């Protein structure tokens, strides 16, 4: 039997170091020159082992594994300063969702044919508040993607300082090409099951990819019909029935507010900078709007088919055209060049990351920016990358940014504006009040600057470089971990 007489301050499966130990057989104290300490059974978390175990238990969920790996790799040092965490297996309890709902959604299309899709809701963690997170309607949706999103949402919501837990849901149904009537029938069928599992103090969904004001309105209508209860159970609602001003703008605005705070640490600003934006949906549109307001020049926008590059910049008039094209006519971004022929369109699903600019804002979807594209951005002089989407940069891309020491923020920090204003919408619903746009925007700005301060606090490295990934993960983790410890083993 070995009893350690001095603490181990670093981790690994087997650590070779000089220690003192007590041998009961000879009842003598020895000084061992070299001794291999096996720490697997001690109160220290081994991130690699935890990840391997999750992969074994939950195979074929690469996005979920990627998200967990990114978080564990950055919180391991902080976690191991608190041996009480591992005594109650806190890391495994935090990685695995509280519960997962899967259900079939059956609906009728305009031709009278019966269609089926899968519906999901992941309730990941409610230690600091009701489950909170969007609903995504897209053909790519599966359990692994939603588990990654719910896991990320838990830390993101913690960063906002608002009392919200983490969740996510959705379906492999795609609204693209569907009539309003078909979308309505699907939303109603989807909510027939989801209504059982949500509530204003239980789980409060919102929009996400494929789910905007139209879809939220349809879902809220059927929830109200089934429960006979008018409450703030969904956020992103219309202003006429409990929505908040600035909610549509919040994710995009918040991303740019965070970007501005990062640039400020270098004594720089957005004014005069050329900005690459991916996506053409809600987040990208309002990120572009805020960039323009702060004096930047938007060069690109994209959709799943390709991207447009406008050498003259996408000004207010051109952005209004894109908003109408996407929000009203639900058209494709390639139509932009018909209206503005000086621009170019690159198809075949191309991304804008090989174009020259000063700043990149990936605002489309997960893993849209890979290592090769990241190297191109750095080579072309990009000084800052702020994620507007959830996990849009691959691990290889993140390494490139951090090794180049450019400003880089993960989505859980820089795109937290959307869920922040969702939380503010919940507050307004609870108070039966409606705040002005100026009030909401001021609160959003304060929240994003506060998130930035916490990232700097926990992410500043000895050489002064701010590792925003580590800062966001540690700051988000510690609040949830302390709440879980206080509430016991449940």
Protein backbone atom coordinates (compact mmCIF):
# COMPACT_ATOMS: atom_id res chain seq x y z
CA UNK A 1 0.00 0.00 0.00
CA UNK A 2 1.29 3.44 -0.91
CA UNK A 3 0.32 6.63 0.90
CA UNK A 4 1.44 9.88 -0.75
CA UNK A 5 2.86 12.46 1.62
CA UNK A 6 2.99 15.36 -0.83
CA UNK A 7 0.46 16.55 -3.39
CA UNK A 8 0.65 16.04 -7.14
CA UNK A 9 0.16 19.31 -8.98
CA UNK A 10 -0.01 18.01 -12.54
CA UNK A 11 -1.74 15.16 -14.31
CA UNK A 12 -1.11 12.19 -16.57
CA UNK A 13 -1.76 8.46 -16.49
CA UNK A 14 1.66 7.64 -15.02
CA UNK A 15 3.86 10.34 -13.52
CA UNK A 16 7.52 9.71 -12.82
CA UNK A 17 8.63 11.85 -9.89
CA UNK A 18 10.41 11.64 -6.54
CA UNK A 19 7.95 11.08 -3.67
CA UNK A 20 7.81 9.95 -0.08
CA UNK A 21 5.74 6.90 0.73
CA UNK A 22 4.92 4.70 3.67
CA UNK A 23 5.30 0.94 3.40
CA UNK A 24 3.15 -0.89 6.00
CA UNK A 25 5.09 -4.14 5.62
CA UNK A 26 8.36 -2.77 6.96
CA UNK A 27 6.83 0.19 8.81
CA UNK A 28 9.60 2.39 7.49
CA UNK A 29 9.56 5.73 5.74
CA UNK A 30 11.46 5.72 2.46
CA UNK A 31 12.65 8.29 -0.03
CA UNK A 32 12.02 6.71 -3.45
CA UNK A 33 14.32 8.09 -6.13
CA UNK A 34 11.85 7.24 -8.86
CA UNK A 35 8.39 5.90 -8.40
CA UNK A 36 5.57 5.58 -10.91
CA UNK A 37 2.41 6.98 -9.40
CA UNK A 38 -0.77 5.58 -10.86
CA UNK A 39 -3.36 8.33 -10.47
CA UNK A 40 -6.25 6.68 -12.28
CA UNK A 41 -7.98 5.94 -8.99
CA UNK A 42 -7.15 9.27 -7.34
CA UNK A 43 -9.32 12.35 -7.20
CA UNK A 44 -7.86 13.75 -10.42
CA UNK A 45 -9.59 13.92 -13.79
CA UNK A 46 -7.79 12.47 -16.81
CA UNK A 47 -9.40 14.18 -19.83
CA UNK A 48 -8.16 11.58 -22.29
CA UNK A 49 -9.64 8.70 -20.31
CA UNK A 50 -12.98 10.49 -19.84
CA UNK A 51 -13.21 11.14 -23.58
CA UNK A 52 -12.33 7.56 -24.50
CA UNK A 53 -15.02 6.28 -22.17
CA UNK A 54 -17.64 8.62 -23.70
CA UNK A 55 -16.68 7.48 -27.19
CA UNK A 56 -17.12 3.87 -26.14
CA UNK A 57 -20.52 4.51 -24.57
CA UNK A 58 -21.80 6.89 -27.25
CA UNK A 59 -20.22 5.87 -30.58
CA UNK A 60 -20.94 7.52 -33.95
CA UNK A 61 -21.44 10.99 -32.46
CA UNK A 62 -18.31 12.84 -33.70
CA UNK A 63 -19.60 16.38 -33.15
CA UNK A 64 -20.46 15.57 -29.53
CA UNK A 65 -17.03 14.00 -28.99
CA UNK A 66 -15.35 17.03 -30.58
CA UNK A 67 -17.18 19.46 -28.31
CA UNK A 68 -16.39 17.46 -25.16
CA UNK A 69 -12.72 17.11 -26.13
CA UNK A 70 -12.35 20.85 -26.68
CA UNK A 71 -13.84 21.65 -23.27
CA UNK A 72 -12.07 18.96 -21.25
CA UNK A 73 -8.69 19.85 -22.69
CA UNK A 74 -8.99 23.40 -21.41
CA UNK A 75 -10.64 22.88 -18.00
CA UNK A 76 -8.51 19.92 -16.86
CA UNK A 77 -6.00 22.04 -14.96
CA UNK A 78 -8.67 24.09 -13.17
CA UNK A 79 -10.79 20.99 -12.46
CA UNK A 80 -7.89 19.23 -10.77
CA UNK A 81 -7.47 22.10 -8.32
CA UNK A 82 -10.77 20.88 -6.84
CA UNK A 83 -10.43 17.20 -5.81
CA UNK A 84 -13.95 17.38 -4.35
CA UNK A 85 -15.28 17.50 -7.94
CA UNK A 86 -13.89 14.10 -8.85
CA UNK A 87 -15.06 12.50 -5.61
CA UNK A 88 -18.62 12.91 -6.90
CA UNK A 89 -17.76 12.08 -10.55
CA UNK A 90 -18.80 15.59 -11.52
CA UNK A 91 -17.18 15.65 -14.97
CA UNK A 92 -19.05 12.60 -16.21
CA UNK A 93 -22.32 13.94 -14.81
CA UNK A 94 -21.69 17.21 -16.63
CA UNK A 95 -20.81 15.60 -19.97
CA UNK A 96 -23.82 13.26 -20.14
CA UNK A 97 -27.24 14.89 -20.69
CA UNK A 98 -29.85 14.74 -17.94
CA UNK A 99 -32.29 13.25 -20.44
CA UNK A 100 -32.78 12.73 -24.17
CA UNK A 101 -36.15 12.60 -25.94
CA UNK A 102 -36.52 11.05 -29.41
CA UNK A 103 -39.83 10.77 -31.23
CA UNK A 104 -41.39 10.28 -34.64
CA UNK A 105 -43.10 13.29 -36.23
CA UNK A 106 -45.84 12.43 -38.75
CA UNK A 107 -47.33 15.16 -40.96
CA UNK A 108 -49.13 15.62 -44.26
CA UNK A 109 -47.68 17.52 -47.23
CA UNK A 110 -49.65 19.64 -49.70
CA UNK A 111 -50.15 16.66 -52.03
CA UNK A 112 -51.83 14.66 -49.30
CA UNK A 113 -48.85 12.35 -48.79
CA UNK A 114 -47.91 11.34 -45.24
CA UNK A 115 -44.33 12.19 -44.29
CA UNK A 116 -42.27 11.18 -41.27
CA UNK A 117 -39.30 12.85 -39.60
CA UNK A 118 -37.44 12.42 -36.34
CA UNK A 119 -37.83 14.90 -33.49
CA UNK A 120 -35.42 15.40 -30.59
CA UNK A 121 -34.99 17.37 -27.39
CA UNK A 122 -31.78 17.18 -25.34
CA UNK A 123 -32.13 18.48 -21.78
CA UNK A 124 -28.48 18.64 -20.87
CA UNK A 125 -28.12 20.41 -17.53
CA UNK A 126 -30.41 22.58 -15.37
CA UNK A 127 -28.13 23.26 -12.41
CA UNK A 128 -28.36 27.04 -12.81
CA UNK A 129 -31.81 27.42 -14.37
CA UNK A 130 -34.46 25.94 -16.69
CA UNK A 131 -33.13 24.15 -19.77
CA UNK A 132 -32.65 26.73 -22.51
CA UNK A 133 -31.60 26.32 -26.12
CA UNK A 134 -32.80 26.47 -29.69
CA UNK A 135 -34.71 24.16 -32.00
CA UNK A 136 -33.02 23.37 -35.33
CA UNK A 137 -34.87 22.18 -38.44
CA UNK A 138 -32.36 20.92 -40.99
CA UNK A 139 -31.74 17.71 -42.95
CA UNK A 140 -28.36 17.25 -41.20
CA UNK A 141 -29.86 17.10 -37.70
CA UNK A 142 -29.09 13.96 -35.72
CA UNK A 143 -28.61 12.99 -32.10
CA UNK A 144 -24.86 13.63 -32.04
CA UNK A 145 -25.16 17.15 -33.42
CA UNK A 146 -27.87 18.07 -30.93
CA UNK A 147 -25.89 16.60 -28.01
CA UNK A 148 -22.90 18.74 -29.00
CA UNK A 149 -25.11 21.82 -29.24
CA UNK A 150 -26.76 21.16 -25.87
CA UNK A 151 -23.36 20.58 -24.23
CA UNK A 152 -22.01 23.85 -25.66
CA UNK A 153 -25.23 25.65 -24.71
CA UNK A 154 -24.74 24.75 -21.05
CA UNK A 155 -21.45 26.65 -20.89
CA UNK A 156 -22.66 29.48 -23.10
CA UNK A 157 -25.71 30.09 -20.92
CA UNK A 158 -23.54 30.02 -17.82
CA UNK A 159 -21.35 32.76 -19.30
CA UNK A 160 -24.32 35.10 -19.78
CA UNK A 161 -24.75 35.45 -15.97
CA UNK A 162 -28.47 34.75 -16.46
CA UNK A 163 -30.20 31.79 -14.71
CA UNK A 164 -30.45 29.39 -17.66
CA UNK A 165 -29.46 25.75 -18.05
CA UNK A 166 -28.51 24.12 -21.33
CA UNK A 167 -30.62 22.26 -23.88
CA UNK A 168 -31.15 21.82 -27.62
CA UNK A 169 -33.66 20.21 -29.93
CA UNK A 170 -34.82 19.88 -33.47
CA UNK A 171 -35.65 17.64 -36.38
CA UNK A 172 -34.23 16.41 -39.68
CA UNK A 173 -37.16 18.23 -41.34
CA UNK A 174 -36.03 21.05 -43.64
CA UNK A 175 -38.32 24.05 -44.26
CA UNK A 176 -36.47 24.72 -47.51
CA UNK A 177 -38.84 24.38 -50.45
CA UNK A 178 -41.87 23.80 -48.21
CA UNK A 179 -45.03 25.90 -48.33
CA UNK A 180 -46.19 27.89 -45.30
CA UNK A 181 -49.00 25.37 -44.83
CA UNK A 182 -46.56 22.44 -44.82
CA UNK A 183 -44.28 24.19 -42.32
CA UNK A 184 -47.27 24.92 -40.09
CA UNK A 185 -48.48 21.31 -40.16
CA UNK A 186 -45.02 20.03 -39.35
CA UNK A 187 -44.56 22.47 -36.45
CA UNK A 188 -47.93 21.45 -35.04
CA UNK A 189 -47.10 17.74 -35.29
CA UNK A 190 -43.68 18.34 -33.72
CA UNK A 191 -45.21 20.20 -30.77
CA UNK A 192 -47.79 17.48 -30.11
CA UNK A 193 -44.93 15.54 -28.52
CA UNK A 194 -42.56 18.30 -27.42
CA UNK A 195 -45.28 20.06 -25.39
CA UNK A 196 -45.11 17.20 -22.85
CA UNK A 197 -41.51 18.05 -21.97
CA UNK A 198 -41.27 21.86 -21.84
CA UNK A 199 -42.61 24.75 -19.77
CA UNK A 200 -41.61 28.26 -18.66
CA UNK A 201 -39.85 26.91 -15.57
CA UNK A 202 -38.79 23.56 -17.07
CA UNK A 203 -37.42 24.01 -20.59
CA UNK A 204 -37.70 27.09 -22.80
CA UNK A 205 -36.83 26.44 -26.48
CA UNK A 206 -36.01 29.12 -29.07
CA UNK A 207 -35.12 29.34 -32.75
CA UNK A 208 -32.01 28.12 -34.54
CA UNK A 209 -31.12 27.15 -38.11
CA UNK A 210 -34.37 26.62 -40.02
CA UNK A 211 -36.46 27.99 -37.17
CA UNK A 212 -37.29 31.69 -37.32
CA UNK A 213 -40.23 33.84 -36.30
CA UNK A 214 -42.65 31.93 -38.53
CA UNK A 215 -41.83 28.54 -37.04
CA UNK A 216 -41.72 29.85 -33.45
CA UNK A 217 -45.16 31.41 -33.95
CA UNK A 218 -46.65 28.14 -35.22
CA UNK A 219 -45.12 26.19 -32.33
CA UNK A 220 -46.25 28.69 -29.72
CA UNK A 221 -49.80 28.62 -31.12
CA UNK A 222 -50.18 24.87 -30.78
CA UNK A 223 -48.51 24.84 -27.33
CA UNK A 224 -51.01 27.43 -26.14
CA UNK A 225 -53.87 25.42 -27.65
CA UNK A 226 -52.82 22.16 -26.00
CA UNK A 227 -52.00 23.56 -22.56
CA UNK A 228 -54.52 26.42 -22.40
CA UNK A 229 -51.64 28.42 -20.96
CA UNK A 230 -50.21 31.69 -22.29
CA UNK A 231 -46.68 31.79 -20.88
CA UNK A 232 -43.15 32.51 -22.03
CA UNK A 233 -42.44 28.93 -23.03
CA UNK A 234 -40.71 29.85 -26.29
CA UNK A 235 -38.43 32.80 -27.02
CA UNK A 236 -37.99 34.53 -30.32
CA UNK A 237 -41.73 35.18 -30.39
CA UNK A 238 -43.36 38.01 -32.33
CA UNK A 239 -43.56 41.37 -30.59
CA UNK A 240 -47.35 41.12 -30.62
CA UNK A 241 -47.38 38.08 -28.34
CA UNK A 242 -44.52 38.43 -25.89
CA UNK A 243 -41.37 38.77 -27.98
CA UNK A 244 -38.49 41.10 -27.20
CA UNK A 245 -37.07 43.93 -29.22
CA UNK A 246 -33.51 43.24 -30.45
CA UNK A 247 -34.04 39.45 -30.22
CA UNK A 248 -33.67 38.89 -34.00
CA UNK A 249 -30.54 41.04 -34.03
CA UNK A 250 -29.03 39.73 -30.80
CA UNK A 251 -26.70 36.93 -31.93
CA UNK A 252 -25.20 38.95 -34.76
CA UNK A 253 -24.95 42.15 -32.73
CA UNK A 254 -23.46 40.27 -29.78
CA UNK A 255 -20.81 38.64 -31.97
CA UNK A 256 -19.66 42.05 -33.18
CA UNK A 257 -19.76 43.53 -29.66
CA UNK A 258 -17.45 40.73 -28.54
CA UNK A 259 -15.21 41.30 -31.57
CA UNK A 260 -15.00 44.99 -30.69
CA UNK A 261 -13.97 44.13 -27.12
CA UNK A 262 -11.23 41.81 -28.41
CA UNK A 263 -9.88 44.44 -30.78
CA UNK A 264 -9.92 47.00 -27.97
CA UNK A 265 -7.37 44.91 -26.05
CA UNK A 266 -4.99 45.64 -28.94
CA UNK A 267 -5.91 49.31 -29.14
CA UNK A 268 -7.74 48.66 -32.41
CA UNK A 269 -11.31 48.94 -33.72
CA UNK A 270 -13.64 47.68 -36.47
CA UNK A 271 -13.63 50.99 -38.33
CA UNK A 272 -12.13 50.66 -41.80
CA UNK A 273 -11.63 46.89 -41.53
CA UNK A 274 -12.60 44.48 -44.33
CA UNK A 275 -14.77 41.68 -42.96
CA UNK A 276 -15.52 38.20 -44.35
CA UNK A 277 -18.88 36.84 -43.20
CA UNK A 278 -20.21 33.36 -43.94
CA UNK A 279 -23.91 32.64 -43.92
CA UNK A 280 -26.83 34.79 -45.01
CA UNK A 281 -29.33 33.95 -42.31
CA UNK A 282 -30.30 35.78 -39.17
CA UNK A 283 -26.87 35.79 -37.49
CA UNK A 284 -24.94 36.79 -40.60
CA UNK A 285 -27.41 39.51 -41.56
CA UNK A 286 -27.28 41.30 -38.23
CA UNK A 287 -23.54 40.79 -37.79
CA UNK A 288 -23.16 42.54 -41.14
CA UNK A 289 -25.53 45.29 -40.03
CA UNK A 290 -23.54 45.98 -36.85
CA UNK A 291 -20.21 45.89 -38.74
CA UNK A 292 -21.57 48.57 -41.07
CA UNK A 293 -22.78 50.66 -38.13
CA UNK A 294 -19.29 50.53 -36.59
CA UNK A 295 -17.56 51.57 -39.81
CA UNK A 296 -16.41 48.21 -41.16
CA UNK A 297 -16.67 46.97 -44.75
CA UNK A 298 -18.51 43.67 -45.36
CA UNK A 299 -16.99 41.79 -48.31
CA UNK A 300 -18.78 38.41 -48.39
CA UNK A 301 -21.90 36.47 -47.47
CA UNK A 302 -22.81 32.89 -48.31
CA UNK A 303 -25.30 30.03 -48.18
CA UNK A 304 -24.99 26.27 -48.59
CA UNK A 305 -24.55 26.62 -52.38
CA UNK A 306 -21.64 29.10 -52.38
CA UNK A 307 -20.62 32.66 -51.54
CA UNK A 308 -20.64 36.15 -53.04
CA UNK A 309 -17.69 38.55 -52.89
CA UNK A 310 -18.35 42.22 -53.52
CA UNK A 311 -15.16 44.26 -54.06
CA UNK A 312 -17.12 47.47 -53.45
CA UNK A 313 -18.43 46.16 -50.15
CA UNK A 314 -21.96 45.15 -49.10
CA UNK A 315 -23.45 48.47 -48.00
CA UNK A 316 -26.80 49.18 -46.33
CA UNK A 317 -28.76 49.07 -49.57
CA UNK A 318 -27.18 45.78 -50.63
CA UNK A 319 -27.72 44.26 -47.20
CA UNK A 320 -31.40 45.24 -47.37
CA UNK A 321 -31.59 43.39 -50.69
CA UNK A 322 -30.05 40.25 -49.12
CA UNK A 323 -32.48 40.45 -46.19
CA UNK A 324 -35.44 40.66 -48.54
CA UNK A 325 -34.05 37.89 -50.75
CA UNK A 326 -33.54 35.53 -47.82
CA UNK A 327 -36.32 36.48 -45.39
CA UNK A 328 -39.17 37.19 -47.78
CA UNK A 329 -38.48 35.33 -51.02
CA UNK A 330 -36.28 32.62 -49.45
CA UNK A 331 -33.98 32.83 -52.44
CA UNK A 332 -30.34 31.82 -52.94
CA UNK A 333 -27.32 34.08 -52.45
CA UNK A 334 -26.22 33.61 -56.09
CA UNK A 335 -29.11 35.90 -57.10
CA UNK A 336 -27.14 38.81 -55.59
CA UNK A 337 -24.85 39.01 -58.63
CA UNK A 338 -27.86 39.46 -60.93
CA UNK A 339 -28.72 42.59 -58.97
CA UNK A 340 -25.11 43.74 -58.44
CA UNK A 341 -23.02 42.46 -61.39
CA UNK A 342 -19.70 43.87 -60.12
CA UNK A 343 -19.75 41.16 -57.46
CA UNK A 344 -18.62 37.59 -58.08
CA UNK A 345 -20.30 34.34 -57.09
CA UNK A 346 -18.36 31.16 -56.27
CA UNK A 347 -20.53 28.03 -56.21
CA UNK A 348 -20.17 24.32 -55.42
CA UNK A 349 -20.58 24.99 -51.71
CA UNK A 350 -17.42 27.13 -51.56
CA UNK A 351 -16.60 29.15 -48.44
CA UNK A 352 -15.20 32.69 -48.44
CA UNK A 353 -12.09 31.98 -46.37
CA UNK A 354 -9.56 32.29 -49.21
CA UNK A 355 -10.48 35.94 -49.84
CA UNK A 356 -8.31 38.72 -48.39
CA UNK A 357 -9.63 40.69 -45.43
CA UNK A 358 -8.82 41.85 -41.89
CA UNK A 359 -11.52 40.02 -39.91
CA UNK A 360 -13.46 36.77 -40.34
CA UNK A 361 -16.90 36.07 -38.85
CA UNK A 362 -18.02 32.46 -39.47
CA UNK A 363 -21.79 32.68 -39.00
CA UNK A 364 -23.14 29.65 -40.89
CA UNK A 365 -22.80 26.22 -39.28
CA UNK A 366 -20.51 23.78 -37.45
CA UNK A 367 -17.11 22.80 -38.88
CA UNK A 368 -17.37 25.18 -41.83
CA UNK A 369 -13.80 26.47 -41.42
CA UNK A 370 -11.00 23.90 -41.61
CA UNK A 371 -7.24 23.95 -41.02
CA UNK A 372 -6.31 24.75 -44.62
CA UNK A 373 -8.76 27.64 -44.74
CA UNK A 374 -7.50 28.92 -41.38
CA UNK A 375 -3.94 28.98 -42.73
CA UNK A 376 -5.18 30.97 -45.73
CA UNK A 377 -6.87 33.50 -43.45
CA UNK A 378 -3.70 33.97 -41.40
CA UNK A 379 -1.55 34.22 -44.55
CA UNK A 380 -3.91 36.84 -45.96
CA UNK A 381 -3.51 39.05 -42.91
CA UNK A 382 -6.64 38.34 -40.84
CA UNK A 383 -6.11 39.68 -37.32
CA UNK A 384 -9.31 38.46 -35.63
CA UNK A 385 -11.83 35.64 -35.91
CA UNK A 386 -15.07 35.80 -33.92
CA UNK A 387 -17.49 32.89 -34.24
CA UNK A 388 -21.14 33.72 -34.81
CA UNK A 389 -22.12 30.10 -35.41
CA UNK A 390 -21.77 27.16 -33.01
CA UNK A 391 -18.37 25.45 -33.34
CA UNK A 392 -17.76 26.58 -36.95
CA UNK A 393 -13.98 26.10 -36.70
CA UNK A 394 -12.47 22.62 -36.67
CA UNK A 395 -9.88 21.74 -34.00
CA UNK A 396 -7.15 22.08 -36.63
CA UNK A 397 -8.33 25.59 -37.54
CA UNK A 398 -8.38 26.64 -33.89
CA UNK A 399 -4.79 25.45 -33.47
CA UNK A 400 -3.73 27.54 -36.47
CA UNK A 401 -5.33 30.68 -35.04
CA UNK A 402 -3.86 30.19 -31.59
CA UNK A 403 -0.37 29.33 -32.83
CA UNK A 404 -0.45 32.49 -34.97
CA UNK A 405 -1.49 34.43 -31.82
CA UNK A 406 -4.35 36.18 -33.60
CA UNK A 407 -7.53 37.12 -31.75
CA UNK A 408 -9.87 34.14 -31.81
CA UNK A 409 -13.12 33.64 -29.88
CA UNK A 410 -15.21 30.45 -29.75
CA UNK A 411 -18.94 30.56 -30.43
CA UNK A 412 -19.90 29.81 -26.83
CA UNK A 413 -18.48 33.24 -25.94
CA UNK A 414 -18.96 35.47 -28.97
CA UNK A 415 -22.37 34.21 -30.11
CA UNK A 416 -23.94 34.20 -26.65
CA UNK A 417 -25.89 37.35 -27.48
CA UNK A 418 -28.84 35.43 -28.88
CA UNK A 419 -29.50 33.35 -25.81
CA UNK A 420 -28.77 36.38 -23.62
CA UNK A 421 -31.65 38.32 -25.14
CA UNK A 422 -33.77 35.16 -25.01
CA UNK A 423 -33.12 35.24 -21.28
CA UNK A 424 -34.10 38.89 -21.22
CA UNK A 425 -37.29 37.97 -23.11
CA UNK A 426 -38.04 35.42 -20.38
CA UNK A 427 -37.56 38.15 -17.77
CA UNK A 428 -39.92 40.51 -19.61
CA UNK A 429 -42.53 37.74 -19.93
CA UNK A 430 -42.30 37.01 -16.19
CA UNK A 431 -42.69 40.67 -15.32
CA UNK A 432 -45.43 41.25 -17.92
CA UNK A 433 -43.36 44.14 -19.23
CA UNK A 434 -41.79 45.16 -22.52
CA UNK A 435 -38.48 46.98 -22.53
CA UNK A 436 -37.40 49.50 -25.16
CA UNK A 437 -34.89 48.57 -27.87
CA UNK A 438 -32.35 50.86 -26.22
CA UNK A 439 -32.75 49.11 -22.86
CA UNK A 440 -32.35 45.65 -24.34
CA UNK A 441 -29.39 46.66 -26.50
CA UNK A 442 -27.65 48.24 -23.50
CA UNK A 443 -28.14 45.06 -21.46
CA UNK A 444 -26.85 42.96 -24.38
CA UNK A 445 -23.73 45.12 -24.67
CA UNK A 446 -23.11 44.83 -20.91
CA UNK A 447 -23.49 41.03 -21.02
CA UNK A 448 -21.09 40.63 -23.96
CA UNK A 449 -18.49 42.87 -22.35
CA UNK A 450 -18.86 40.93 -19.09
CA UNK A 451 -18.36 37.63 -20.93
CA UNK A 452 -15.23 39.11 -22.52
CA UNK A 453 -13.89 40.17 -19.13
CA UNK A 454 -14.36 36.65 -17.74
CA UNK A 455 -12.64 35.14 -20.77
CA UNK A 456 -9.66 37.45 -20.23
CA UNK A 457 -9.63 36.64 -16.50
CA UNK A 458 -9.43 32.88 -16.99
CA UNK A 459 -7.73 32.75 -20.40
CA UNK A 460 -4.71 35.08 -20.17
CA UNK A 461 -1.51 33.09 -20.60
CA UNK A 462 1.95 33.93 -19.14
CA UNK A 463 3.03 35.65 -22.38
CA UNK A 464 -0.07 37.89 -22.29
CA UNK A 465 -1.93 36.13 -25.11
CA UNK A 466 -5.60 35.61 -24.30
CA UNK A 467 -6.76 32.05 -24.96
CA UNK A 468 -10.46 32.81 -25.30
CA UNK A 469 -11.31 29.11 -25.66
CA UNK A 470 -9.82 28.29 -22.28
CA UNK A 471 -11.23 31.44 -20.70
CA UNK A 472 -14.77 30.76 -21.89
CA UNK A 473 -14.69 27.08 -20.93
CA UNK A 474 -13.27 27.61 -17.46
CA UNK A 475 -15.54 30.55 -16.63
CA UNK A 476 -18.65 28.70 -17.85
CA UNK A 477 -17.64 25.43 -16.20
CA UNK A 478 -16.92 26.80 -12.73
CA UNK A 479 -20.36 28.34 -12.29
CA UNK A 480 -22.15 25.13 -13.32
CA UNK A 481 -19.80 22.95 -11.27
CA UNK A 482 -20.31 24.95 -8.09
CA UNK A 483 -24.09 24.84 -8.54
CA UNK A 484 -23.99 21.06 -9.04
CA UNK A 485 -21.88 20.60 -5.93
CA UNK A 486 -24.26 22.70 -3.85
CA UNK A 487 -27.30 20.69 -5.00
CA UNK A 488 -25.93 17.26 -4.11
CA UNK A 489 -25.79 14.09 -6.17
CA UNK A 490 -28.96 14.28 -8.25
